[in-house]
């Protein structure tokens, strides 16, 4: 069964966040993982949706993942920190920086 990896990183205030998330998604897809890319939510949700609504949607997706891949700068993102806290509470694998192959 393919592992599902959730990408977490800074979005608010980051001009090229789409690029950062897309590059991570591409790398993970090349390694044949299923990917949850929360940066794509703004393509289906109204632009005027408040930050809290986006975070609710992101946090609702985390239980479907096996692991979280943290993008550079996650430490400065309140949303990514929240996602990490939830991921840890769910017992998900956490990857930062260089990606290692998931085992199992």
PDB file of N, CA and C in Angstrom:
ATOM      1  N   UNK A   1       0.842  -1.185   0.000  1.00  0.00           N
ATOM      2  CA  UNK A   1       0.000   0.000   0.000  1.00  0.00           C
ATOM      3  C   UNK A   1       0.887   1.248   0.000  1.00  0.00           C
ATOM      4  N   UNK A   2       0.552   2.210  -0.820  1.00  0.00           N
ATOM      5  CA  UNK A   2       1.316   3.449  -0.888  1.00  0.00           C
ATOM      6  C   UNK A   2       1.101   4.279   0.368  1.00  0.00           C
ATOM      7  N   UNK A   3       2.161   4.893   0.831  1.00  0.00           N
ATOM      8  CA  UNK A   3       2.071   5.785   1.976  1.00  0.00           C
ATOM      9  C   UNK A   3       1.513   7.134   1.523  1.00  0.00           C
ATOM     10  N   UNK A   4       0.799   7.787   2.431  1.00  0.00           N
ATOM     11  CA  UNK A   4       0.236   9.111   2.159  1.00  0.00           C
ATOM     12  C   UNK A   4       1.017  10.125   2.981  1.00  0.00           C
ATOM     13  N   UNK A   5       1.530  11.134   2.301  1.00  0.00           N
ATOM     14  CA  UNK A   5       2.347  12.151   2.962  1.00  0.00           C
ATOM     15  C   UNK A   5       1.666  13.509   2.836  1.00  0.00           C
ATOM     16  N   UNK A   6       1.539  14.173   3.964  1.00  0.00           N
ATOM     17  CA  UNK A   6       0.956  15.513   4.056  1.00  0.00           C
ATOM     18  C   UNK A   6       2.102  16.519   4.056  1.00  0.00           C
ATOM     19  N   UNK A   7       2.033  17.517   3.191  1.00  0.00           N
ATOM     20  CA  UNK A   7       3.064  18.553   3.146  1.00  0.00           C
ATOM     21  C   UNK A   7       2.651  19.700   4.060  1.00  0.00           C
ATOM     22  N   UNK A   8       3.572  20.104   4.920  1.00  0.00           N
ATOM     23  CA  UNK A   8       3.308  21.201   5.849  1.00  0.00           C
ATOM     24  C   UNK A   8       4.409  22.243   5.726  1.00  0.00           C
ATOM     25  N   UNK A   9       4.006  23.503   5.725  1.00  0.00           N
ATOM     26  CA  UNK A   9       4.987  24.581   5.646  1.00  0.00           C
ATOM     27  C   UNK A   9       4.298  25.923   5.636  1.00  0.00           C
ATOM     28  N   UNK A  10       5.096  26.963   5.604  1.00  0.00           N
ATOM     29  CA  UNK A  10       4.527  28.310   5.643  1.00  0.00           C
ATOM     30  C   UNK A  10       3.774  28.650   4.360  1.00  0.00           C
ATOM     31  N   UNK A  11       2.602  29.241   4.542  1.00  0.00           N
ATOM     32  CA  UNK A  11       1.790  29.717   3.422  1.00  0.00           C
ATOM     33  C   UNK A  11       1.524  31.212   3.578  1.00  0.00           C
ATOM     34  N   UNK A  12       0.971  31.598   4.724  1.00  0.00           N
ATOM     35  CA  UNK A  12       0.632  33.010   4.961  1.00  0.00           C
ATOM     36  C   UNK A  12       1.885  33.883   4.886  1.00  0.00           C
ATOM     37  N   UNK A  13       1.826  34.907   4.067  1.00  0.00           N
ATOM     38  CA  UNK A  13       2.923  35.845   3.942  1.00  0.00           C
ATOM     39  C   UNK A  13       4.083  35.370   3.087  1.00  0.00           C
ATOM     40  N   UNK A  14       3.956  34.191   2.466  1.00  0.00           N
ATOM     41  CA  UNK A  14       5.022  33.660   1.609  1.00  0.00           C
ATOM     42  C   UNK A  14       4.576  33.792   0.156  1.00  0.00           C
ATOM     43  N   UNK A  15       5.268  34.630  -0.575  1.00  0.00           N
ATOM     44  CA  UNK A  15       4.873  34.945  -1.951  1.00  0.00           C
ATOM     45  C   UNK A  15       4.865  33.711  -2.863  1.00  0.00           C
ATOM     46  N   UNK A  16       5.863  32.861  -2.760  1.00  0.00           N
ATOM     47  CA  UNK A  16       5.974  31.720  -3.671  1.00  0.00           C
ATOM     48  C   UNK A  16       5.640  30.380  -2.994  1.00  0.00           C
ATOM     49  N   UNK A  17       4.691  30.419  -2.048  1.00  0.00           N
ATOM     50  CA  UNK A  17       4.364  29.178  -1.343  1.00  0.00           C
ATOM     51  C   UNK A  17       3.874  28.096  -2.288  1.00  0.00           C
ATOM     52  N   UNK A  18       3.146  28.476  -3.347  1.00  0.00           N
ATOM     53  CA  UNK A  18       2.666  27.465  -4.310  1.00  0.00           C
ATOM     54  C   UNK A  18       3.836  26.696  -4.909  1.00  0.00           C
ATOM     55  N   UNK A  19       4.882  27.418  -5.255  1.00  0.00           N
ATOM     56  CA  UNK A  19       6.072  26.804  -5.852  1.00  0.00           C
ATOM     57  C   UNK A  19       6.726  25.848  -4.857  1.00  0.00           C
ATOM     58  N   UNK A  20       6.876  26.272  -3.621  1.00  0.00           N
ATOM     59  CA  UNK A  20       7.502  25.434  -2.599  1.00  0.00           C
ATOM     60  C   UNK A  20       6.732  24.133  -2.395  1.00  0.00           C
ATOM     61  N   UNK A  21       5.424  24.237  -2.287  1.00  0.00           N
ATOM     62  CA  UNK A  21       4.591  23.054  -2.085  1.00  0.00           C
ATOM     63  C   UNK A  21       4.576  22.181  -3.337  1.00  0.00           C
ATOM     64  N   UNK A  22       4.522  22.804  -4.515  1.00  0.00           N
ATOM     65  CA  UNK A  22       4.490  22.044  -5.774  1.00  0.00           C
ATOM     66  C   UNK A  22       5.785  21.255  -5.974  1.00  0.00           C
ATOM     67  N   UNK A  23       6.919  21.849  -5.629  1.00  0.00           N
ATOM     68  CA  UNK A  23       8.196  21.144  -5.771  1.00  0.00           C
ATOM     69  C   UNK A  23       8.259  19.942  -4.831  1.00  0.00           C
ATOM     70  N   UNK A  24       7.780  20.122  -3.602  1.00  0.00           N
ATOM     71  CA  UNK A  24       7.764  19.006  -2.658  1.00  0.00           C
ATOM     72  C   UNK A  24       6.810  17.920  -3.151  1.00  0.00           C
ATOM     73  N   UNK A  25       5.650  18.326  -3.634  1.00  0.00           N
ATOM     74  CA  UNK A  25       4.685  17.359  -4.151  1.00  0.00           C
ATOM     75  C   UNK A  25       5.281  16.566  -5.312  1.00  0.00           C
ATOM     76  N   UNK A  26       5.928  17.248  -6.222  1.00  0.00           N
ATOM     77  CA  UNK A  26       6.530  16.579  -7.378  1.00  0.00           C
ATOM     78  C   UNK A  26       7.577  15.554  -6.935  1.00  0.00           C
ATOM     79  N   UNK A  27       8.425  15.940  -5.988  1.00  0.00           N
ATOM     80  CA  UNK A  27       9.462  15.038  -5.496  1.00  0.00           C
ATOM     81  C   UNK A  27       8.834  13.788  -4.862  1.00  0.00           C
ATOM     82  N   UNK A  28       7.797  13.991  -4.072  1.00  0.00           N
ATOM     83  CA  UNK A  28       7.148  12.861  -3.404  1.00  0.00           C
ATOM     84  C   UNK A  28       6.405  11.969  -4.401  1.00  0.00           C
ATOM     85  N   UNK A  29       5.757  12.581  -5.382  1.00  0.00           N
ATOM     86  CA  UNK A  29       5.061  11.793  -6.408  1.00  0.00           C
ATOM     87  C   UNK A  29       6.052  10.978  -7.237  1.00  0.00           C
ATOM     88  N   UNK A  30       7.210  11.559  -7.522  1.00  0.00           N
ATOM     89  CA  UNK A  30       8.245  10.826  -8.267  1.00  0.00           C
ATOM     90  C   UNK A  30       8.685   9.582  -7.512  1.00  0.00           C
ATOM     91  N   UNK A  31       8.614   9.640  -6.205  1.00  0.00           N
ATOM     92  CA  UNK A  31       8.972   8.488  -5.369  1.00  0.00           C
ATOM     93  C   UNK A  31       7.761   7.589  -5.110  1.00  0.00           C
ATOM     94  N   UNK A  32       6.694   7.884  -5.827  1.00  0.00           N
ATOM     95  CA  UNK A  32       5.483   7.053  -5.830  1.00  0.00           C
ATOM     96  C   UNK A  32       4.697   7.062  -4.517  1.00  0.00           C
ATOM     97  N   UNK A  33       4.695   8.203  -3.852  1.00  0.00           N
ATOM     98  CA  UNK A  33       3.859   8.363  -2.671  1.00  0.00           C
ATOM     99  C   UNK A  33       2.591   9.105  -3.049  1.00  0.00           C
ATOM    100  N   UNK A  34       1.539   8.887  -2.301  1.00  0.00           N
ATOM    101  CA  UNK A  34       0.331   9.699  -2.416  1.00  0.00           C
ATOM    102  C   UNK A  34       0.588  10.961  -1.594  1.00  0.00           C
ATOM    103  N   UNK A  35       0.097  12.080  -2.074  1.00  0.00           N
ATOM    104  CA  UNK A  35       0.422  13.356  -1.444  1.00  0.00           C
ATOM    105  C   UNK A  35      -0.844  14.149  -1.144  1.00  0.00           C
ATOM    106  N   UNK A  36      -0.871  14.712   0.066  1.00  0.00           N
ATOM    107  CA  UNK A  36      -1.887  15.698   0.418  1.00  0.00           C
ATOM    108  C   UNK A  36      -1.176  17.037   0.436  1.00  0.00           C
ATOM    109  N   UNK A  37      -1.557  17.904  -0.487  1.00  0.00           N
ATOM    110  CA  UNK A  37      -0.943  19.220  -0.622  1.00  0.00           C
ATOM    111  C   UNK A  37      -1.967  20.290  -0.229  1.00  0.00           C
ATOM    112  N   UNK A  38      -1.894  20.808   1.006  1.00  0.00           N
ATOM    113  CA  UNK A  38      -2.885  21.780   1.457  1.00  0.00           C
ATOM    114  C   UNK A  38      -2.818  23.117   0.717  1.00  0.00           C
ATOM    115  N   UNK A  39      -1.737  23.374   0.018  1.00  0.00           N
ATOM    116  CA  UNK A  39      -1.636  24.615  -0.756  1.00  0.00           C
ATOM    117  C   UNK A  39      -2.639  24.629  -1.900  1.00  0.00           C
ATOM    118  N   UNK A  40      -3.159  23.484  -2.252  1.00  0.00           N
ATOM    119  CA  UNK A  40      -4.160  23.396  -3.319  1.00  0.00           C
ATOM    120  C   UNK A  40      -5.563  23.774  -2.847  1.00  0.00           C
ATOM    121  N   UNK A  41      -5.752  23.888  -1.542  1.00  0.00           N
ATOM    122  CA  UNK A  41      -7.086  24.216  -1.027  1.00  0.00           C
ATOM    123  C   UNK A  41      -7.601  25.546  -1.549  1.00  0.00           C
ATOM    124  N   UNK A  42      -6.691  26.498  -1.756  1.00  0.00           N
ATOM    125  CA  UNK A  42      -7.174  27.801  -2.222  1.00  0.00           C
ATOM    126  C   UNK A  42      -7.635  27.769  -3.678  1.00  0.00           C
ATOM    127  N   UNK A  43      -7.476  26.635  -4.340  1.00  0.00           N
ATOM    128  CA  UNK A  43      -8.022  26.510  -5.695  1.00  0.00           C
ATOM    129  C   UNK A  43      -9.464  26.020  -5.668  1.00  0.00           C
ATOM    130  N   UNK A  44      -9.908  25.507  -4.500  1.00  0.00           N
ATOM    131  CA  UNK A  44     -11.288  25.034  -4.410  1.00  0.00           C
ATOM    132  C   UNK A  44     -12.137  25.835  -3.423  1.00  0.00           C
ATOM    133  N   UNK A  45     -11.487  26.532  -2.492  1.00  0.00           N
ATOM    134  CA  UNK A  45     -12.209  27.353  -1.519  1.00  0.00           C
ATOM    135  C   UNK A  45     -12.266  28.797  -1.991  1.00  0.00           C
ATOM    136  N   UNK A  46     -13.289  29.523  -1.603  1.00  0.00           N
ATOM    137  CA  UNK A  46     -13.350  30.952  -1.957  1.00  0.00           C
ATOM    138  C   UNK A  46     -12.163  31.709  -1.364  1.00  0.00           C
ATOM    139  N   UNK A  47     -11.656  32.660  -2.112  1.00  0.00           N
ATOM    140  CA  UNK A  47     -10.497  33.449  -1.678  1.00  0.00           C
ATOM    141  C   UNK A  47     -10.759  34.174  -0.364  1.00  0.00           C
ATOM    142  N   UNK A  48     -11.996  34.559  -0.130  1.00  0.00           N
ATOM    143  CA  UNK A  48     -12.337  35.337   1.059  1.00  0.00           C
ATOM    144  C   UNK A  48     -12.507  34.485   2.315  1.00  0.00           C
ATOM    145  N   UNK A  49     -12.330  33.179   2.189  1.00  0.00           N
ATOM    146  CA  UNK A  49     -12.480  32.306   3.348  1.00  0.00           C
ATOM    147  C   UNK A  49     -11.458  32.693   4.412  1.00  0.00           C
ATOM    148  N   UNK A  50     -11.869  32.789   5.667  1.00  0.00           N
ATOM    149  CA  UNK A  50     -10.930  33.196   6.714  1.00  0.00           C
ATOM    150  C   UNK A  50      -9.861  32.123   6.994  1.00  0.00           C
ATOM    151  N   UNK A  51      -8.752  32.576   7.529  1.00  0.00           N
ATOM    152  CA  UNK A  51      -7.620  31.714   7.859  1.00  0.00           C
ATOM    153  C   UNK A  51      -8.063  30.494   8.681  1.00  0.00           C
ATOM    154  N   UNK A  52      -8.899  30.719   9.672  1.00  0.00           N
ATOM    155  CA  UNK A  52      -9.351  29.633  10.539  1.00  0.00           C
ATOM    156  C   UNK A  52     -10.063  28.528   9.783  1.00  0.00           C
ATOM    157  N   UNK A  53     -10.800  28.889   8.757  1.00  0.00           N
ATOM    158  CA  UNK A  53     -11.503  27.881   7.955  1.00  0.00           C
ATOM    159  C   UNK A  53     -10.506  27.029   7.169  1.00  0.00           C
ATOM    160  N   UNK A  54      -9.473  27.663   6.632  1.00  0.00           N
ATOM    161  CA  UNK A  54      -8.429  26.912   5.932  1.00  0.00           C
ATOM    162  C   UNK A  54      -7.736  25.945   6.895  1.00  0.00           C
ATOM    163  N   UNK A  55      -7.433  26.419   8.101  1.00  0.00           N
ATOM    164  CA  UNK A  55      -6.753  25.567   9.070  1.00  0.00           C
ATOM    165  C   UNK A  55      -7.639  24.391   9.482  1.00  0.00           C
ATOM    166  N   UNK A  56      -8.927  24.628   9.616  1.00  0.00           N
ATOM    167  CA  UNK A  56      -9.837  23.522   9.942  1.00  0.00           C
ATOM    168  C   UNK A  56      -9.774  22.447   8.868  1.00  0.00           C
ATOM    169  N   UNK A  57      -9.782  22.881   7.618  1.00  0.00           N
ATOM    170  CA  UNK A  57      -9.720  21.927   6.500  1.00  0.00           C
ATOM    171  C   UNK A  57      -8.386  21.181   6.511  1.00  0.00           C
ATOM    172  N   UNK A  58      -7.299  21.902   6.742  1.00  0.00           N
ATOM    173  CA  UNK A  58      -5.978  21.271   6.775  1.00  0.00           C
ATOM    174  C   UNK A  58      -5.898  20.231   7.889  1.00  0.00           C
ATOM    175  N   UNK A  59      -6.337  20.605   9.062  1.00  0.00           N
ATOM    176  CA  UNK A  59      -6.269  19.693  10.206  1.00  0.00           C
ATOM    177  C   UNK A  59      -7.189  18.482  10.018  1.00  0.00           C
ATOM    178  N   UNK A  60      -8.270  18.672   9.288  1.00  0.00           N
ATOM    179  CA  UNK A  60      -9.179  17.555   9.003  1.00  0.00           C
ATOM    180  C   UNK A  60      -8.540  16.531   8.061  1.00  0.00           C
ATOM    181  N   UNK A  61      -7.562  16.962   7.262  1.00  0.00           N
ATOM    182  CA  UNK A  61      -6.893  16.065   6.319  1.00  0.00           C
ATOM    183  C   UNK A  61      -5.781  15.241   6.972  1.00  0.00           C
ATOM    184  N   UNK A  62      -5.213  15.729   8.047  1.00  0.00           N
ATOM    185  CA  UNK A  62      -4.061  15.070   8.670  1.00  0.00           C
ATOM    186  C   UNK A  62      -4.302  13.609   9.074  1.00  0.00           C
ATOM    187  N   UNK A  63      -5.447  13.251   9.616  1.00  0.00           N
ATOM    188  CA  UNK A  63      -5.632  11.850  10.011  1.00  0.00           C
ATOM    189  C   UNK A  63      -5.563  10.850   8.852  1.00  0.00           C
ATOM    190  N   UNK A  64      -5.659  11.319   7.630  1.00  0.00           N
ATOM    191  CA  UNK A  64      -5.587  10.439   6.469  1.00  0.00           C
ATOM    192  C   UNK A  64      -4.149  10.174   6.026  1.00  0.00           C
ATOM    193  N   UNK A  65      -3.200  10.883   6.631  1.00  0.00           N
ATOM    194  CA  UNK A  65      -1.796  10.756   6.250  1.00  0.00           C
ATOM    195  C   UNK A  65      -1.073   9.740   7.128  1.00  0.00           C
ATOM    196  N   UNK A  66       0.008   9.210   6.581  1.00  0.00           N
ATOM    197  CA  UNK A  66       0.909   8.333   7.330  1.00  0.00           C
ATOM    198  C   UNK A  66       2.109   9.119   7.857  1.00  0.00           C
ATOM    199  N   UNK A  67       2.388  10.241   7.194  1.00  0.00           N
ATOM    200  CA  UNK A  67       3.571  11.030   7.532  1.00  0.00           C
ATOM    201  C   UNK A  67       3.350  12.485   7.153  1.00  0.00           C
ATOM    202  N   UNK A  68       4.192  13.343   7.730  1.00  0.00           N
ATOM    203  CA  UNK A  68       4.182  14.768   7.406  1.00  0.00           C
ATOM    204  C   UNK A  68       5.580  15.147   6.928  1.00  0.00           C
ATOM    205  N   UNK A  69       5.619  15.870   5.832  1.00  0.00           N
ATOM    206  CA  UNK A  69       6.884  16.386   5.301  1.00  0.00           C
ATOM    207  C   UNK A  69       6.903  17.892   5.542  1.00  0.00           C
ATOM    208  N   UNK A  70       7.850  18.350   6.362  1.00  0.00           N
ATOM    209  CA  UNK A  70       7.940  19.762   6.737  1.00  0.00           C
ATOM    210  C   UNK A  70       8.835  20.529   5.763  1.00  0.00           C
ATOM    211  N   UNK A  71       8.300  21.594   5.221  1.00  0.00           N
ATOM    212  CA  UNK A  71       9.068  22.449   4.316  1.00  0.00           C
ATOM    213  C   UNK A  71       9.926  23.430   5.110  1.00  0.00           C
ATOM    214  N   UNK A  72      10.953  23.926   4.468  1.00  0.00           N
ATOM    215  CA  UNK A  72      11.830  24.925   5.079  1.00  0.00           C
ATOM    216  C   UNK A  72      10.991  26.110   5.573  1.00  0.00           C
ATOM    217  N   UNK A  73      11.289  26.557   6.777  1.00  0.00           N
ATOM    218  CA  UNK A  73      10.591  27.696   7.342  1.00  0.00           C
ATOM    219  C   UNK A  73       9.369  27.345   8.163  1.00  0.00           C
ATOM    220  N   UNK A  74       9.097  26.061   8.334  1.00  0.00           N
ATOM    221  CA  UNK A  74       7.904  25.638   9.072  1.00  0.00           C
ATOM    222  C   UNK A  74       7.898  26.192  10.497  1.00  0.00           C
ATOM    223  N   UNK A  75       9.093  26.391  11.069  1.00  0.00           N
ATOM    224  CA  UNK A  75       9.191  26.859  12.454  1.00  0.00           C
ATOM    225  C   UNK A  75       8.556  28.234  12.646  1.00  0.00           C
ATOM    226  N   UNK A  76       8.520  29.022  11.578  1.00  0.00           N
ATOM    227  CA  UNK A  76       7.993  30.393  11.643  1.00  0.00           C
ATOM    228  C   UNK A  76       6.513  30.464  11.287  1.00  0.00           C
ATOM    229  N   UNK A  77       5.910  29.325  11.033  1.00  0.00           N
ATOM    230  CA  UNK A  77       4.513  29.262  10.615  1.00  0.00           C
ATOM    231  C   UNK A  77       3.645  28.719  11.743  1.00  0.00           C
ATOM    232  N   UNK A  78       2.723  29.538  12.216  1.00  0.00           N
ATOM    233  CA  UNK A  78       1.806  29.089  13.275  1.00  0.00           C
ATOM    234  C   UNK A  78       0.976  27.904  12.796  1.00  0.00           C
ATOM    235  N   UNK A  79       0.556  27.934  11.543  1.00  0.00           N
ATOM    236  CA  UNK A  79      -0.238  26.841  10.994  1.00  0.00           C
ATOM    237  C   UNK A  79       0.550  25.543  10.924  1.00  0.00           C
ATOM    238  N   UNK A  80       1.785  25.612  10.453  1.00  0.00           N
ATOM    239  CA  UNK A  80       2.626  24.410  10.366  1.00  0.00           C
ATOM    240  C   UNK A  80       2.931  23.868  11.758  1.00  0.00           C
ATOM    241  N   UNK A  81       3.135  24.747  12.719  1.00  0.00           N
ATOM    242  CA  UNK A  81       3.377  24.295  14.090  1.00  0.00           C
ATOM    243  C   UNK A  81       2.147  23.570  14.638  1.00  0.00           C
ATOM    244  N   UNK A  82       0.974  24.088  14.319  1.00  0.00           N
ATOM    245  CA  UNK A  82      -0.267  23.444  14.745  1.00  0.00           C
ATOM    246  C   UNK A  82      -0.409  22.072  14.072  1.00  0.00           C
ATOM    247  N   UNK A  83      -0.116  22.016  12.776  1.00  0.00           N
ATOM    248  CA  UNK A  83      -0.192  20.746  12.048  1.00  0.00           C
ATOM    249  C   UNK A  83       0.784  19.724  12.644  1.00  0.00           C
ATOM    250  N   UNK A  84       1.984  20.180  12.991  1.00  0.00           N
ATOM    251  CA  UNK A  84       2.980  19.293  13.568  1.00  0.00           C
ATOM    252  C   UNK A  84       2.508  18.742  14.915  1.00  0.00           C
ATOM    253  N   UNK A  85       1.924  19.603  15.711  1.00  0.00           N
ATOM    254  CA  UNK A  85       1.418  19.168  17.020  1.00  0.00           C
ATOM    255  C   UNK A  85       0.340  18.083  16.847  1.00  0.00           C
ATOM    256  N   UNK A  86      -0.571  18.308  15.920  1.00  0.00           N
ATOM    257  CA  UNK A  86      -1.628  17.325  15.664  1.00  0.00           C
ATOM    258  C   UNK A  86      -1.021  16.038  15.086  1.00  0.00           C
ATOM    259  N   UNK A  87      -0.082  16.178  14.167  1.00  0.00           N
ATOM    260  CA  UNK A  87       0.559  15.008  13.562  1.00  0.00           C
ATOM    261  C   UNK A  87       1.243  14.156  14.628  1.00  0.00           C
ATOM    262  N   UNK A  88       1.927  14.799  15.542  1.00  0.00           N
ATOM    263  CA  UNK A  88       2.597  14.056  16.618  1.00  0.00           C
ATOM    264  C   UNK A  88       1.570  13.346  17.500  1.00  0.00           C
ATOM    265  N   UNK A  89       0.451  14.024  17.773  1.00  0.00           N
ATOM    266  CA  UNK A  89      -0.581  13.408  18.613  1.00  0.00           C
ATOM    267  C   UNK A  89      -1.206  12.197  17.923  1.00  0.00           C
ATOM    268  N   UNK A  90      -1.182  12.201  16.597  1.00  0.00           N
ATOM    269  CA  UNK A  90      -1.716  11.078  15.818  1.00  0.00           C
ATOM    270  C   UNK A  90      -0.675   9.978  15.592  1.00  0.00           C
ATOM    271  N   UNK A  91       0.562  10.244  15.992  1.00  0.00           N
ATOM    272  CA  UNK A  91       1.623   9.257  15.820  1.00  0.00           C
ATOM    273  C   UNK A  91       2.156   9.157  14.404  1.00  0.00           C
ATOM    274  N   UNK A  92       2.006  10.236  13.617  1.00  0.00           N
ATOM    275  CA  UNK A  92       2.491  10.225  12.235  1.00  0.00           C
ATOM    276  C   UNK A  92       4.011  10.343  12.205  1.00  0.00           C
ATOM    277  N   UNK A  93       4.619   9.794  11.163  1.00  0.00           N
ATOM    278  CA  UNK A  93       6.049   9.989  10.939  1.00  0.00           C
ATOM    279  C   UNK A  93       6.272  11.435  10.528  1.00  0.00           C
ATOM    280  N   UNK A  94       7.378  12.017  10.955  1.00  0.00           N
ATOM    281  CA  UNK A  94       7.681  13.413  10.655  1.00  0.00           C
ATOM    282  C   UNK A  94       9.011  13.478   9.906  1.00  0.00           C
ATOM    283  N   UNK A  95       9.023  14.169   8.772  1.00  0.00           N
ATOM    284  CA  UNK A  95      10.234  14.358   7.987  1.00  0.00           C
ATOM    285  C   UNK A  95      10.455  15.842   7.755  1.00  0.00           C
ATOM    286  N   UNK A  96      11.721  16.244   7.887  1.00  0.00           N
ATOM    287  CA  UNK A  96      12.095  17.642   7.679  1.00  0.00           C
ATOM    288  C   UNK A  96      13.364  17.663   6.843  1.00  0.00           C
ATOM    289  N   UNK A  97      13.467  18.648   5.962  1.00  0.00           N
ATOM    290  CA  UNK A  97      14.685  18.776   5.160  1.00  0.00           C
ATOM    291  C   UNK A  97      14.811  17.645   4.168  1.00  0.00           C
ATOM    292  N   UNK A  98      15.946  16.967   4.197  1.00  0.00           N
ATOM    293  CA  UNK A  98      16.179  15.866   3.273  1.00  0.00           C
ATOM    294  C   UNK A  98      15.173  14.757   3.532  1.00  0.00           C
ATOM    295  N   UNK A  99      14.534  14.306   2.470  1.00  0.00           N
ATOM    296  CA  UNK A  99      13.517  13.274   2.597  1.00  0.00           C
ATOM    297  C   UNK A  99      14.180  11.907   2.576  1.00  0.00           C
ATOM    298  N   UNK A 100      13.784  11.077   3.525  1.00  0.00           N
ATOM    299  CA  UNK A 100      14.246   9.702   3.570  1.00  0.00           C
ATOM    300  C   UNK A 100      13.077   8.810   3.146  1.00  0.00           C
ATOM    301  N   UNK A 101      13.390   7.708   2.555  1.00  0.00           N
ATOM    302  CA  UNK A 101      12.336   6.777   2.157  1.00  0.00           C
ATOM    303  C   UNK A 101      11.573   6.306   3.379  1.00  0.00           C
ATOM    304  N   UNK A 102      10.265   6.259   3.282  1.00  0.00           N
ATOM    305  CA  UNK A 102       9.451   5.722   4.363  1.00  0.00           C
ATOM    306  C   UNK A 102       9.639   4.204   4.407  1.00  0.00           C
ATOM    307  N   UNK A 103       9.636   3.686   5.577  1.00  0.00           N
ATOM    308  CA  UNK A 103       9.745   2.241   5.743  1.00  0.00           C
ATOM    309  C   UNK A 103       8.380   1.693   6.163  1.00  0.00           C
ATOM    310  N   UNK A 104       8.124   0.473   5.776  1.00  0.00           N
ATOM    311  CA  UNK A 104       6.894  -0.165   6.217  1.00  0.00           C
ATOM    312  C   UNK A 104       5.813  -0.169   5.185  1.00  0.00           C
TER     313      UNK A 104
END
